[in-house]
């Protein structure tokens, strides 16, 4: 007996049902991906592939390095000082920018040649007022002695932990403008630093205003590092101590200093501290009681920390230890760059700190520039334009706080780098990251600060995956953080941007001097 023929209508209905079921499955929400077998979603199949290849990143980084010193001389024949101030392999030709002049105290800082000597991705961005403040900073750098030393604070998230990025900038800027020493160091810092190693006795505890905040701390005296260390004064530890020793791979200038600065917070009872340099007692100091902030400056004997002679610095306490904020090591002249890493911070915590204390600490040295490298930690949690604008408002208020504490000091915002998450079978840039970058750039310029766009410097959307796959890898497998090699790359490019601005300012100075002589 022959089977009956299947009606065509039923076949069509069956196929339609299969396609409908497949469509519904592909349209499932992302939240079900942990419950359902891994399979691309419809949105994954529709998304444009924004992946940047390793070859494209290599070409981009090579382009940043091109432009010979002779081309610089030919471009700026009237400014020979520019040619000597920029390394031969550090420039790349592009179409000149529209001419602009920035007024500085009745003088002009002409930047129309910036577009001739630097790749567009590396250009600092800012309004006229922001470049006025940068020019004011350069005028202070231009003084031969640079004494007392000029200080730059590099605040940032985990991207700069361990003195990454900051250490390279410090080394290059001290080569250019003089100075030595690693700057301020946060005591009992659990993240190893490439500038200086630390070890400490038992029962020290570190409190931070970022990351996991200790709810037992009922005050906001966290200071400029948004962190402090304090000893619990256990009976089995009579003299708590912290020791600093040079990292064997650190820059040599980090091991040379002629001053020791101790930044302390509240001291509840009478106590004292002793400094030992290279295992010899340097000085004992009686501490004041109940101080909100105190800075102790201890000069050290000449040649005690000459190249190769610094071995260790030990700080011991007798009695109840104070809230210990920082140890500073640097020379009396030149430039000092401080690394202030705040893991997990989005950069919106500074207004939560005790303002009197923060102001006193930042003004205890000659602070002449603030760098803020944040944004990455906010990206995964910002889901719409409203939340991004709200974050932008919070970040703008931090810029205004620093401007109030340090009037006319330039502020440089270093934006978030590219970050990727897994979408289906591909690593894709966080959807909100470009919008976060745009808002941060906009509010930075509105607040008369400068912006340096790491996202574009890396290669834009999808570039992080290529940085991870590069050989050697420039970013870690988490697709968020740079490797040490990648951090050096970013630091070198940022240095290139600032050194070019410095050279342009010098060229303007040379032209001005020549004009006055005629």
Protein backbone atom coordinates (compact mmCIF):
# COMPACT_ATOMS: atom_id res chain seq x y z
CA UNK A 1 0.00 0.00 0.00
CA UNK A 2 1.41 3.38 -1.08
CA UNK A 3 1.77 6.07 1.61
CA UNK A 4 -0.31 9.16 1.13
CA UNK A 5 1.51 12.21 -0.25
CA UNK A 6 2.29 14.92 2.34
CA UNK A 7 0.36 18.09 1.50
CA UNK A 8 2.62 20.96 0.41
CA UNK A 9 0.97 23.26 2.92
CA UNK A 10 2.07 21.03 5.80
CA UNK A 11 5.67 21.00 4.56
CA UNK A 12 5.67 24.78 4.35
CA UNK A 13 4.16 25.03 7.83
CA UNK A 14 6.81 22.65 9.23
CA UNK A 15 9.69 24.60 7.68
CA UNK A 16 8.19 27.87 8.89
CA UNK A 17 7.99 26.49 12.43
CA UNK A 18 11.64 25.38 12.31
CA UNK A 19 12.81 28.80 11.11
CA UNK A 20 10.65 30.53 13.72
CA UNK A 21 12.11 28.41 16.51
CA UNK A 22 15.63 29.09 15.25
CA UNK A 23 14.94 32.82 15.08
CA UNK A 24 13.58 32.85 18.65
CA UNK A 25 16.65 30.92 19.83
CA UNK A 26 19.02 33.32 18.13
CA UNK A 27 17.10 36.28 19.62
CA UNK A 28 17.47 35.01 23.20
CA UNK A 29 18.72 37.57 25.76
CA UNK A 30 22.39 37.53 26.74
CA UNK A 31 21.41 36.57 30.31
CA UNK A 32 20.51 33.07 29.09
CA UNK A 33 23.94 32.38 27.67
CA UNK A 34 25.02 30.68 30.89
CA UNK A 35 21.95 28.40 30.78
CA UNK A 36 21.94 27.51 27.09
CA UNK A 37 24.64 25.85 25.06
CA UNK A 38 27.05 28.46 23.70
CA UNK A 39 25.79 29.48 20.28
CA UNK A 40 25.84 32.85 18.49
CA UNK A 41 22.86 35.12 19.02
CA UNK A 42 21.09 37.01 16.22
CA UNK A 43 22.61 40.28 17.37
CA UNK A 44 26.07 38.69 17.19
CA UNK A 45 25.49 37.65 13.60
CA UNK A 46 24.27 41.14 12.69
CA UNK A 47 27.06 43.10 14.37
CA UNK A 48 29.70 44.56 12.11
CA UNK A 49 33.09 43.02 12.78
CA UNK A 50 35.14 45.86 14.26
CA UNK A 51 38.22 43.72 14.83
CA UNK A 52 41.52 45.42 14.08
CA UNK A 53 44.27 43.11 12.85
CA UNK A 54 47.72 42.76 14.38
CA UNK A 55 49.23 43.96 11.10
CA UNK A 56 47.13 47.14 11.20
CA UNK A 57 48.27 47.89 14.75
CA UNK A 58 51.90 47.32 13.79
CA UNK A 59 51.52 49.68 10.85
CA UNK A 60 49.88 52.30 13.09
CA UNK A 61 52.63 52.10 15.70
CA UNK A 62 55.26 52.29 12.97
CA UNK A 63 53.54 55.39 11.58
CA UNK A 64 53.79 57.04 14.98
CA UNK A 65 57.57 56.63 14.80
CA UNK A 66 58.15 58.01 11.32
CA UNK A 67 59.31 61.50 10.23
CA UNK A 68 62.98 62.27 10.02
CA UNK A 69 64.75 65.07 11.85
CA UNK A 70 65.65 66.65 8.50
CA UNK A 71 61.95 66.91 7.64
CA UNK A 72 61.35 68.66 10.95
CA UNK A 73 64.11 71.16 10.14
CA UNK A 74 62.71 71.74 6.66
CA UNK A 75 59.20 72.24 8.04
CA UNK A 76 60.28 74.68 10.75
CA UNK A 77 63.23 76.51 9.29
CA UNK A 78 62.71 79.45 11.63
CA UNK A 79 62.77 77.24 14.73
CA UNK A 80 66.05 75.30 14.91
CA UNK A 81 65.46 74.65 18.59
CA UNK A 82 62.58 72.35 17.64
CA UNK A 83 64.84 70.05 15.66
CA UNK A 84 67.21 69.58 18.57
CA UNK A 85 64.41 69.02 21.04
CA UNK A 86 62.67 66.16 19.25
CA UNK A 87 64.22 62.77 18.63
CA UNK A 88 64.92 61.93 15.02
CA UNK A 89 62.52 59.01 14.90
CA UNK A 90 59.69 60.54 16.89
CA UNK A 91 57.61 62.40 14.34
CA UNK A 92 55.16 61.72 11.56
CA UNK A 93 53.98 64.14 8.83
CA UNK A 94 50.29 64.95 8.47
CA UNK A 95 48.23 67.72 6.97
CA UNK A 96 48.85 70.95 8.90
CA UNK A 97 46.19 72.03 11.39
CA UNK A 98 44.50 75.43 11.11
CA UNK A 99 46.69 78.11 12.65
CA UNK A 100 45.98 79.01 16.24
CA UNK A 101 47.78 81.09 18.84
CA UNK A 102 47.35 80.74 22.55
CA UNK A 103 47.75 83.81 24.72
CA UNK A 104 49.98 83.39 27.76
CA UNK A 105 50.28 86.44 29.93
CA UNK A 106 50.11 88.74 26.93
CA UNK A 107 52.41 86.49 24.86
CA UNK A 108 51.53 83.87 22.27
CA UNK A 109 52.11 80.14 22.13
CA UNK A 110 51.71 79.26 18.45
CA UNK A 111 50.67 75.66 17.74
CA UNK A 112 50.00 75.83 14.02
CA UNK A 113 52.99 73.55 13.38
CA UNK A 114 51.75 70.76 15.68
CA UNK A 115 50.01 69.09 12.76
CA UNK A 116 53.23 69.06 10.75
CA UNK A 117 55.28 67.13 13.26
CA UNK A 118 52.90 64.75 15.02
CA UNK A 119 50.38 62.09 14.01
CA UNK A 120 46.81 63.37 14.57
CA UNK A 121 46.00 60.60 17.05
CA UNK A 122 48.82 61.81 19.32
CA UNK A 123 47.85 65.47 19.46
CA UNK A 124 46.76 66.90 22.80
CA UNK A 125 43.23 68.27 22.61
CA UNK A 126 42.00 71.28 24.53
CA UNK A 127 40.71 74.81 24.30
CA UNK A 128 42.68 78.02 24.39
CA UNK A 129 42.59 78.28 28.17
CA UNK A 130 43.94 74.75 28.62
CA UNK A 131 46.96 75.45 26.41
CA UNK A 132 47.57 78.72 28.24
CA UNK A 133 48.06 76.72 31.40
CA UNK A 134 50.33 74.25 29.64
CA UNK A 135 52.43 77.15 28.36
CA UNK A 136 52.68 78.50 31.89
CA UNK A 137 54.00 75.10 32.99
CA UNK A 138 56.58 75.16 30.18
CA UNK A 139 57.72 78.62 31.22
CA UNK A 140 58.58 77.22 34.65
CA UNK A 141 60.39 74.27 33.09
CA UNK A 142 62.38 76.72 30.99
CA UNK A 143 64.13 78.18 34.01
CA UNK A 144 67.62 76.66 34.26
CA UNK A 145 67.61 75.75 37.95
CA UNK A 146 64.07 74.36 38.22
CA UNK A 147 64.44 74.70 41.97
CA UNK A 148 62.60 73.84 44.11
CA UNK A 149 61.69 70.77 42.10
CA UNK A 150 58.48 70.77 40.03
CA UNK A 151 55.98 68.03 40.85
CA UNK A 152 53.53 66.15 38.64
CA UNK A 153 50.91 63.83 40.13
CA UNK A 154 49.78 60.94 37.93
CA UNK A 155 46.50 59.67 39.38
CA UNK A 156 44.97 56.61 37.75
CA UNK A 157 43.37 53.21 38.11
CA UNK A 158 44.99 49.76 37.90
CA UNK A 159 46.31 50.59 34.42
CA UNK A 160 49.18 52.49 36.10
CA UNK A 161 49.77 50.15 39.06
CA UNK A 162 53.33 49.15 39.87
CA UNK A 163 54.65 52.43 38.41
CA UNK A 164 53.71 51.29 34.90
CA UNK A 165 53.46 54.16 32.42
CA UNK A 166 54.41 56.65 35.17
CA UNK A 167 57.91 55.21 35.58
CA UNK A 168 58.76 55.60 31.90
CA UNK A 169 57.42 59.17 31.84
CA UNK A 170 59.40 60.02 34.99
CA UNK A 171 62.62 58.65 33.53
CA UNK A 172 62.27 60.48 30.22
CA UNK A 173 61.20 63.77 31.79
CA UNK A 174 64.04 63.68 34.31
CA UNK A 175 66.44 63.10 31.43
CA UNK A 176 65.02 66.21 29.74
CA UNK A 177 64.47 68.52 32.69
CA UNK A 178 66.65 67.08 35.46
CA UNK A 179 65.76 65.67 38.82
CA UNK A 180 65.81 62.21 40.35
CA UNK A 181 63.99 59.98 42.80
CA UNK A 182 60.72 57.99 42.51
CA UNK A 183 58.50 60.62 44.15
CA UNK A 184 55.87 59.74 46.75
CA UNK A 185 55.42 56.07 47.65
CA UNK A 186 52.32 54.74 49.41
CA UNK A 187 53.40 52.70 52.46
CA UNK A 188 52.38 49.04 52.81
CA UNK A 189 51.42 48.99 49.12
CA UNK A 190 50.46 45.37 48.27
CA UNK A 191 51.06 45.77 44.51
CA UNK A 192 54.79 45.42 43.73
CA UNK A 193 56.32 48.50 42.15
CA UNK A 194 59.09 48.64 39.56
CA UNK A 195 60.49 51.78 41.19
CA UNK A 196 61.01 50.63 44.77
CA UNK A 197 60.42 47.43 46.71
CA UNK A 198 58.72 47.39 50.12
CA UNK A 199 58.54 45.08 53.07
CA UNK A 200 57.02 45.68 56.49
CA UNK A 201 56.59 44.14 59.91
CA UNK A 202 53.42 42.35 60.93
CA UNK A 203 50.13 44.01 61.92
CA UNK A 204 50.22 46.87 59.42
CA UNK A 205 46.86 47.51 57.80
CA UNK A 206 46.14 49.57 54.69
CA UNK A 207 42.87 51.47 54.30
CA UNK A 208 41.65 52.81 50.97
CA UNK A 209 38.77 54.97 49.79
CA UNK A 210 38.68 53.02 46.51
CA UNK A 211 37.98 49.34 45.91
CA UNK A 212 36.65 47.63 49.03
CA UNK A 213 36.23 50.38 51.63
CA UNK A 214 36.59 49.41 55.30
CA UNK A 215 33.30 50.35 56.96
CA UNK A 216 35.00 50.72 60.36
CA UNK A 217 36.73 53.92 59.19
CA UNK A 218 34.37 56.74 60.10
CA UNK A 219 36.40 59.64 58.74
CA UNK A 220 37.50 60.84 55.29
CA UNK A 221 41.19 61.55 56.03
CA UNK A 222 42.56 59.34 53.24
CA UNK A 223 44.88 61.96 51.77
CA UNK A 224 46.25 62.44 48.26
CA UNK A 225 46.64 58.70 47.59
CA UNK A 226 43.10 58.03 48.88
CA UNK A 227 44.83 55.53 51.17
CA UNK A 228 46.82 55.34 54.38
CA UNK A 229 48.55 52.66 56.44
CA UNK A 230 48.37 52.26 60.19
CA UNK A 231 49.86 49.79 62.60
CA UNK A 232 47.58 47.87 64.93
CA UNK A 233 50.21 48.02 67.71
CA UNK A 234 50.08 44.42 68.75
CA UNK A 235 51.94 43.62 71.95
CA UNK A 236 54.31 41.29 70.09
CA UNK A 237 55.48 44.07 67.75
CA UNK A 238 57.16 46.76 69.85
CA UNK A 239 58.67 48.78 67.00
CA UNK A 240 56.70 48.47 63.76
CA UNK A 241 58.70 49.24 60.66
CA UNK A 242 58.55 49.62 56.87
CA UNK A 243 61.62 49.17 54.66
CA UNK A 244 62.22 50.43 51.10
CA UNK A 245 64.89 48.93 48.85
CA UNK A 246 65.69 49.67 45.19
CA UNK A 247 64.13 47.40 42.60
CA UNK A 248 66.94 45.73 40.60
CA UNK A 249 65.16 46.60 37.31
CA UNK A 250 64.27 50.19 38.21
CA UNK A 251 65.63 53.24 36.44
CA UNK A 252 68.88 54.41 38.00
CA UNK A 253 67.47 57.86 38.74
CA UNK A 254 64.93 56.28 41.11
CA UNK A 255 67.82 55.36 43.43
CA UNK A 256 69.21 58.89 43.68
CA UNK A 257 67.66 61.46 46.04
CA UNK A 258 68.78 64.04 48.59
CA UNK A 259 65.55 64.54 50.54
CA UNK A 260 63.12 62.31 52.43
CA UNK A 261 59.55 63.57 52.84
CA UNK A 262 57.16 61.91 55.28
CA UNK A 263 53.45 62.70 54.93
CA UNK A 264 51.42 61.85 58.01
CA UNK A 265 47.79 62.19 58.95
CA UNK A 266 46.25 62.17 62.38
CA UNK A 267 48.55 61.24 65.27
CA UNK A 268 46.46 60.32 68.31
CA UNK A 269 49.17 60.02 70.97
CA UNK A 270 52.76 61.07 71.44
CA UNK A 271 55.04 58.87 69.39
CA UNK A 272 58.28 59.03 67.44
CA UNK A 273 59.89 57.61 64.36
CA UNK A 274 63.45 56.73 63.40
CA UNK A 275 64.94 56.78 59.92
CA UNK A 276 67.72 54.35 59.02
CA UNK A 277 69.53 54.86 55.73
CA UNK A 278 71.67 51.94 54.56
CA UNK A 279 71.34 50.42 58.07
CA UNK A 280 72.72 53.55 59.76
CA UNK A 281 70.50 55.78 61.91
CA UNK A 282 69.83 59.01 60.06
CA UNK A 283 67.40 60.82 62.36
CA UNK A 284 64.83 60.35 65.14
CA UNK A 285 61.75 62.60 65.15
CA UNK A 286 59.18 63.31 67.84
CA UNK A 287 55.73 63.48 66.24
CA UNK A 288 53.07 66.07 67.04
CA UNK A 289 49.82 64.94 68.63
CA UNK A 290 46.41 65.17 66.93
CA UNK A 291 47.51 66.69 63.62
CA UNK A 292 45.29 66.51 60.57
CA UNK A 293 48.31 66.75 58.32
CA UNK A 294 52.05 67.07 58.76
CA UNK A 295 54.98 66.84 56.37
CA UNK A 296 58.45 66.13 57.66
CA UNK A 297 61.42 66.93 55.41
CA UNK A 298 64.71 65.25 56.21
CA UNK A 299 67.81 66.15 54.16
CA UNK A 300 70.29 63.34 53.76
CA UNK A 301 74.08 63.49 53.68
CA UNK A 302 75.70 64.28 50.37
CA UNK A 303 76.56 61.19 48.29
CA UNK A 304 74.60 58.88 50.58
CA UNK A 305 72.36 57.87 47.69
CA UNK A 306 74.73 58.35 44.78
CA UNK A 307 74.46 55.85 41.95
CA UNK A 308 74.98 52.38 43.36
CA UNK A 309 75.20 53.47 47.01
CA UNK A 310 71.54 53.42 48.07
CA UNK A 311 70.69 50.11 49.71
CA UNK A 312 67.70 50.63 52.00
CA UNK A 313 65.55 53.09 53.92
CA UNK A 314 63.88 51.82 57.08
CA UNK A 315 61.22 53.75 59.00
CA UNK A 316 60.50 52.55 62.55
CA UNK A 317 57.85 53.84 64.97
CA UNK A 318 57.80 53.96 68.76
CA UNK A 319 54.37 54.19 70.36
CA UNK A 320 51.03 54.41 68.53
CA UNK A 321 51.69 54.86 64.84
CA UNK A 322 50.02 57.76 63.02
CA UNK A 323 47.94 57.50 59.86
CA UNK A 324 50.85 57.07 57.47
CA UNK A 325 50.14 58.47 53.98
CA UNK A 326 53.37 58.58 51.97
CA UNK A 327 57.14 58.55 51.83
CA UNK A 328 58.70 60.91 49.29
CA UNK A 329 62.18 60.51 47.79
CA UNK A 330 63.55 63.08 45.31
CA UNK A 331 66.18 65.72 44.62
CA UNK A 332 65.93 69.43 45.41
CA UNK A 333 65.72 70.50 41.77
CA UNK A 334 64.40 69.18 38.47
CA UNK A 335 61.13 67.35 38.00
CA UNK A 336 59.36 64.74 40.15
CA UNK A 337 56.55 62.48 38.92
CA UNK A 338 54.36 60.68 41.48
CA UNK A 339 52.49 57.45 40.75
CA UNK A 340 49.12 57.33 42.54
CA UNK A 341 47.38 54.14 41.43
CA UNK A 342 43.85 53.46 42.70
CA UNK A 343 42.70 50.01 41.65
CA UNK A 344 38.98 49.86 40.84
CA UNK A 345 38.46 53.62 40.96
CA UNK A 346 36.53 55.47 38.27
CA UNK A 347 38.23 58.74 39.24
CA UNK A 348 35.22 60.24 40.98
CA UNK A 349 36.36 59.81 44.59
CA UNK A 350 38.46 62.94 45.20
CA UNK A 351 35.54 65.04 46.43
CA UNK A 352 34.92 62.37 49.06
CA UNK A 353 38.31 63.04 50.66
CA UNK A 354 38.97 65.55 53.43
CA UNK A 355 39.53 68.71 51.39
CA UNK A 356 41.65 70.52 53.97
CA UNK A 357 44.02 67.58 54.22
CA UNK A 358 44.11 66.96 50.45
CA UNK A 359 44.87 70.62 49.81
CA UNK A 360 47.63 70.72 52.42
CA UNK A 361 49.32 67.63 51.00
CA UNK A 362 49.19 68.74 47.35
CA UNK A 363 50.43 72.20 48.29
CA UNK A 364 53.22 70.86 50.53
CA UNK A 365 55.28 70.49 47.35
CA UNK A 366 55.48 72.62 44.21
CA UNK A 367 52.71 70.84 42.30
CA UNK A 368 52.68 72.08 38.70
CA UNK A 369 50.64 69.47 36.79
CA UNK A 370 47.89 66.93 37.45
CA UNK A 371 47.31 63.90 35.22
CA UNK A 372 44.07 61.90 35.60
CA UNK A 373 43.95 58.49 33.90
CA UNK A 374 40.51 57.03 34.58
CA UNK A 375 37.30 55.88 32.92
CA UNK A 376 37.93 52.18 32.33
CA UNK A 377 36.35 51.01 35.57
CA UNK A 378 33.11 52.88 34.81
CA UNK A 379 32.66 51.47 31.29
CA UNK A 380 31.17 48.02 32.13
CA UNK A 381 28.52 49.57 34.39
CA UNK A 382 27.28 52.42 32.18
CA UNK A 383 24.37 51.12 30.10
CA UNK A 384 22.70 54.22 28.62
CA UNK A 385 23.24 57.88 27.77
CA UNK A 386 21.74 59.08 31.04
CA UNK A 387 24.21 57.14 33.19
CA UNK A 388 27.12 58.20 30.96
CA UNK A 389 26.18 61.89 31.25
CA UNK A 390 25.85 61.48 35.01
CA UNK A 391 29.33 59.98 35.18
CA UNK A 392 30.62 62.84 33.05
CA UNK A 393 29.20 65.34 35.52
CA UNK A 394 30.87 63.59 38.44
CA UNK A 395 34.19 63.50 36.63
CA UNK A 396 33.92 67.19 35.71
CA UNK A 397 33.48 68.04 39.39
CA UNK A 398 36.80 66.29 40.16
CA UNK A 399 38.57 68.49 37.60
CA UNK A 400 37.03 71.58 39.19
CA UNK A 401 38.22 70.42 42.61
CA UNK A 402 41.85 70.21 41.46
CA UNK A 403 41.52 73.59 39.74
CA UNK A 404 40.27 75.11 42.99
CA UNK A 405 43.12 73.57 45.00
CA UNK A 406 45.80 74.36 42.40
CA UNK A 407 44.71 77.44 40.41
CA UNK A 408 46.16 77.77 36.89
CA UNK A 409 47.90 74.37 37.07
CA UNK A 410 47.36 72.36 33.83
CA UNK A 411 45.27 69.22 34.13
CA UNK A 412 45.76 66.45 31.59
CA UNK A 413 43.04 63.79 31.32
CA UNK A 414 44.28 60.52 29.82
CA UNK A 415 41.14 58.81 28.58
CA UNK A 416 40.16 55.14 28.82
CA UNK A 417 41.89 52.60 26.60
CA UNK A 418 40.02 50.14 24.42
CA UNK A 419 38.49 47.26 26.40
CA UNK A 420 36.92 44.11 25.00
CA UNK A 421 34.35 41.59 26.16
CA UNK A 422 33.36 38.32 24.50
CA UNK A 423 30.37 38.60 22.18
CA UNK A 424 29.47 35.25 20.74
CA UNK A 425 32.70 33.93 19.31
CA UNK A 426 34.50 37.30 19.06
CA UNK A 427 36.09 39.83 21.37
CA UNK A 428 34.31 43.14 20.88
CA UNK A 429 34.78 46.62 22.35
CA UNK A 430 32.33 47.43 25.17
CA UNK A 431 29.39 49.09 23.39
CA UNK A 432 29.34 52.14 25.66
CA UNK A 433 33.11 52.76 25.66
CA UNK A 434 33.23 55.18 22.67
CA UNK A 435 30.39 57.20 24.19
CA UNK A 436 32.14 57.33 27.59
CA UNK A 437 35.25 58.55 25.78
CA UNK A 438 33.26 61.21 23.93
CA UNK A 439 31.66 62.52 27.12
CA UNK A 440 34.97 62.56 29.01
CA UNK A 441 36.66 64.43 26.17
CA UNK A 442 33.81 66.95 25.94
CA UNK A 443 33.65 67.76 29.66
CA UNK A 444 37.46 67.88 29.89
CA UNK A 445 37.59 70.59 27.26
CA UNK A 446 34.64 72.43 28.81
CA UNK A 447 36.55 72.52 32.09
CA UNK A 448 39.64 74.04 30.42
CA UNK A 449 41.72 70.88 30.74
CA UNK A 450 43.69 68.88 28.16
CA UNK A 451 42.72 65.46 26.80
CA UNK A 452 44.91 62.66 25.39
CA UNK A 453 42.90 59.94 23.64
CA UNK A 454 44.36 56.51 24.46
CA UNK A 455 41.41 54.83 22.71
CA UNK A 456 42.35 56.38 19.37
CA UNK A 457 46.08 56.03 20.00
CA UNK A 458 45.57 52.26 20.33
CA UNK A 459 43.70 52.08 17.03
CA UNK A 460 40.10 52.66 18.08
CA UNK A 461 37.28 50.16 18.43
CA UNK A 462 38.43 46.55 18.39
CA UNK A 463 42.11 47.37 18.77
CA UNK A 464 42.56 45.77 22.20
CA UNK A 465 42.25 42.25 20.78
CA UNK A 466 45.09 43.00 18.34
CA UNK A 467 47.24 44.39 21.18
CA UNK A 468 46.67 41.10 23.04
CA UNK A 469 47.60 39.03 19.98
CA UNK A 470 50.69 41.07 19.11
CA UNK A 471 54.14 39.54 19.48
CA UNK A 472 55.29 40.32 22.07
CA UNK A 473 51.83 40.86 23.59
CA UNK A 474 51.05 44.52 24.29
CA UNK A 475 47.99 43.74 26.44
CA UNK A 476 47.04 40.93 28.79
CA UNK A 477 44.49 38.16 28.09
CA UNK A 478 41.87 39.97 30.18
CA UNK A 479 41.59 42.42 27.25
CA UNK A 480 41.66 45.32 29.71
CA UNK A 481 45.21 45.91 30.98
CA UNK A 482 48.44 46.58 29.13
CA UNK A 483 51.41 44.30 29.56
CA UNK A 484 54.63 46.00 30.73
CA UNK A 485 55.64 46.21 27.06
CA UNK A 486 52.30 47.80 26.13
CA UNK A 487 52.50 50.21 29.06
CA UNK A 488 55.93 51.34 27.85
CA UNK A 489 54.50 51.84 24.37
CA UNK A 490 51.73 54.08 25.71
CA UNK A 491 54.16 55.99 27.93
CA UNK A 492 56.55 56.58 25.03
CA UNK A 493 53.73 57.91 22.85
CA UNK A 494 52.42 60.22 25.58
CA UNK A 495 55.96 61.45 26.11
CA UNK A 496 56.19 62.11 22.38
CA UNK A 497 53.03 64.25 22.53
CA UNK A 498 54.19 66.37 25.45
CA UNK A 499 57.78 66.68 24.25
CA UNK A 500 56.48 67.92 20.90
CA UNK A 501 54.39 70.59 22.62
CA UNK A 502 57.46 71.54 24.63
CA UNK A 503 59.51 71.81 21.44
CA UNK A 504 56.85 73.97 19.79
CA UNK A 505 56.87 76.23 22.83
CA UNK A 506 60.67 76.46 22.63
CA UNK A 507 60.43 77.30 18.94
CA UNK A 508 58.04 80.11 19.77
CA UNK A 509 60.44 81.31 22.47
CA UNK A 510 63.30 81.32 19.96
CA UNK A 511 61.23 83.32 17.47
CA UNK A 512 60.20 85.77 20.17
CA UNK A 513 63.80 86.26 21.29
CA UNK A 514 64.93 86.79 17.71
CA UNK A 515 62.15 89.32 17.09
CA UNK A 516 63.09 91.27 20.22
CA UNK A 517 66.72 91.36 19.11
CA UNK A 518 65.90 92.86 15.70
